[in-house]
Protein backbone atom coordinates (compact mmCIF):
# COMPACT_ATOMS: atom_id res chain seq x y z
CA UNK A 1 -0.03 0.08 0.13
CA UNK A 2 0.86 3.21 -1.09
CA UNK A 3 -0.06 5.28 1.85
CA UNK A 4 1.39 9.04 0.75
CA UNK A 5 -0.95 8.55 -2.77
CA UNK A 6 -3.12 11.66 -0.86
CA UNK A 7 -0.54 13.56 0.24
CA UNK A 8 -0.17 16.73 -2.46
CA UNK A 9 3.26 18.29 -3.25
CA UNK A 10 3.34 22.21 -1.62
CA UNK A 11 1.46 20.79 1.64
CA UNK A 12 2.62 22.95 4.26
CA UNK A 13 1.90 23.09 8.11
CA UNK A 14 3.18 25.97 10.40
CA UNK A 15 3.55 26.34 14.24
CA UNK A 16 4.15 29.08 16.38
CA UNK A 17 5.57 29.11 19.86
CA UNK A 18 7.43 30.99 22.84
CA UNK A 19 10.47 30.02 23.47
CA UNK A 20 10.66 28.54 27.30
CA UNK A 21 13.46 28.18 29.63
CA UNK A 22 12.74 24.03 29.23
CA UNK A 23 13.85 24.66 25.00
CA UNK A 24 16.87 26.66 25.86
CA UNK A 25 20.60 24.65 26.12
CA UNK A 26 20.66 26.26 29.76
CA UNK A 27 17.87 23.78 30.75
CA UNK A 28 19.88 20.98 29.34
CA UNK A 29 23.81 22.50 30.47
CA UNK A 30 23.88 24.67 32.84
CA UNK A 31 27.24 26.12 32.03
CA UNK A 32 25.61 27.24 27.89
CA UNK A 33 23.86 30.54 27.23
CA UNK A 34 19.58 30.62 27.82
CA UNK A 35 18.76 29.95 23.80
CA UNK A 36 16.64 28.35 22.15
CA UNK A 37 18.12 24.39 21.28
CA UNK A 38 19.19 23.34 18.82
CA UNK A 39 18.08 19.69 19.61
CA UNK A 40 14.33 21.33 20.65
CA UNK A 41 14.38 23.00 17.14
CA UNK A 42 14.32 20.34 15.07
CA UNK A 43 11.89 18.56 17.13
CA UNK A 44 9.27 21.22 16.42
CA UNK A 45 10.38 21.04 12.90
CA UNK A 46 9.44 17.34 12.62
CA UNK A 47 6.60 18.06 14.43
CA UNK A 48 5.32 20.58 12.28
CA UNK A 49 6.42 18.18 9.09
CA UNK A 50 4.13 15.56 10.82
CA UNK A 51 1.29 17.77 11.02
CA UNK A 52 1.98 18.70 7.41
CA UNK A 53 1.06 14.97 6.51
CA UNK A 54 -0.82 13.74 8.72
CA UNK A 55 -4.24 14.25 7.93
CA UNK A 56 -3.92 12.74 4.48
CA UNK A 57 -2.57 9.25 5.56
CA UNK A 58 -4.97 6.55 5.90
CA UNK A 59 -6.20 5.69 9.19
CA UNK A 60 -4.00 4.14 11.81
CA UNK A 61 -0.91 5.32 9.80
CA UNK A 62 1.02 7.97 10.92
CA UNK A 63 4.91 9.28 10.42
CA UNK A 64 7.91 8.89 12.19
CA UNK A 65 11.34 11.02 11.08
CA UNK A 66 13.92 8.93 9.10
CA UNK A 67 16.14 11.93 8.30
CA UNK A 68 17.26 15.48 9.35
CA UNK A 69 19.77 17.91 7.63
CA UNK A 70 19.32 20.67 9.55
CA UNK A 71 21.46 24.15 10.22
CA UNK A 72 20.70 26.49 13.31
CA UNK A 73 21.45 29.81 12.04
CA UNK A 74 20.74 32.42 15.04
CA UNK A 75 20.43 32.23 18.73
CA UNK A 76 16.63 33.11 20.20
CA UNK A 77 16.42 34.20 23.58
CA UNK A 78 13.77 32.58 26.34
CA UNK A 79 10.38 34.97 25.79
CA UNK A 80 10.92 35.34 21.83
CA UNK A 81 8.01 34.13 19.35
CA UNK A 82 9.32 31.18 16.90
CA UNK A 83 7.76 30.23 13.82
CA UNK A 84 8.03 26.76 12.33
CA UNK A 85 7.12 25.82 8.72
CA UNK A 86 7.07 22.79 6.84
CA UNK A 87 6.68 22.34 3.18
CA UNK A 88 6.19 19.14 0.90
CA UNK A 89 8.87 18.74 -1.43
CA UNK A 90 8.87 15.07 -2.65
CA UNK A 91 7.09 11.99 -2.10
CA UNK A 92 8.83 8.60 -2.90
CA UNK A 93 7.33 5.41 -2.17
CA UNK A 94 6.22 6.03 1.57
CA UNK A 95 8.77 8.54 2.28
CA UNK A 96 8.25 12.24 2.27
CA UNK A 97 10.58 14.97 2.19
CA UNK A 98 9.90 18.92 3.58
CA UNK A 99 11.82 22.01 3.18
CA UNK A 100 11.74 23.26 7.21
CA UNK A 101 12.36 26.63 8.15
CA UNK A 102 12.32 28.72 11.59
CA UNK A 103 11.77 32.61 12.19
CA UNK A 104 12.31 34.38 14.79
CA UNK A 105 10.81 38.27 14.98
CA UNK A 106 13.93 39.50 13.32
CA UNK A 107 15.98 36.35 11.72
CA UNK A 108 15.81 33.22 10.02
CA UNK A 109 17.28 30.86 12.97
CA UNK A 110 16.92 27.33 11.00
CA UNK A 111 16.06 25.57 7.80
CA UNK A 112 17.01 22.32 6.19
CA UNK A 113 15.59 19.18 4.63
CA UNK A 114 13.46 16.39 6.51
CA UNK A 115 12.19 13.25 5.58
CA UNK A 116 9.02 11.23 7.27
CA UNK A 117 7.99 7.63 5.97
CA UNK A 118 4.48 6.39 6.91
CA UNK A 119 4.04 3.59 9.02
CA UNK A 120 1.26 1.22 9.97
CA UNK A 121 0.82 1.79 13.57
CA UNK A 122 -0.45 -1.70 14.32
CA UNK A 123 2.77 -3.09 12.43
CA UNK A 124 5.54 -0.49 13.59
CA UNK A 125 4.56 -1.69 17.10
CA UNK A 126 4.43 -5.34 16.61
CA UNK A 127 8.02 -4.75 15.18
CA UNK A 128 9.49 -2.52 18.81
CA UNK A 129 7.78 -5.56 20.46
CA UNK A 130 10.03 -7.98 19.10
CA UNK A 131 12.65 -5.26 19.64
CA UNK A 132 11.43 -5.06 23.31
CA UNK A 133 11.38 -8.95 23.59
CA UNK A 134 14.93 -9.61 22.61
CA UNK A 135 16.52 -6.48 24.49
CA UNK A 136 14.80 -8.26 27.81
CA UNK A 137 15.40 -11.44 27.44
């Protein structure tokens, strides 16, 4: 089954957020400045990309991140508003590629390419549970 067949090239989603202390590098490493952390920006880019296609996937399917190639271009302090955008640029089988970017009120703070794979939740969880069983034996 090609779960991505209804996803249009150009489908987009945006997310707006306010940077909190928990989203900063300083939250994880006390010696670092309190600015929006790269891993958190990537999380927001991935979530936004997932939102761009979730309504097009068959029932009981979700998307999972498989590739991230992102640049973090500028520091953003606590309290600043960040807007994240993801746009579908390509589809191959059950893989969907996105252009992702993030902006604060003054700068483009990040950009890159992200790929997600559409997966059947039941089948996906069977594989995960099999691995859990291997690890706990």
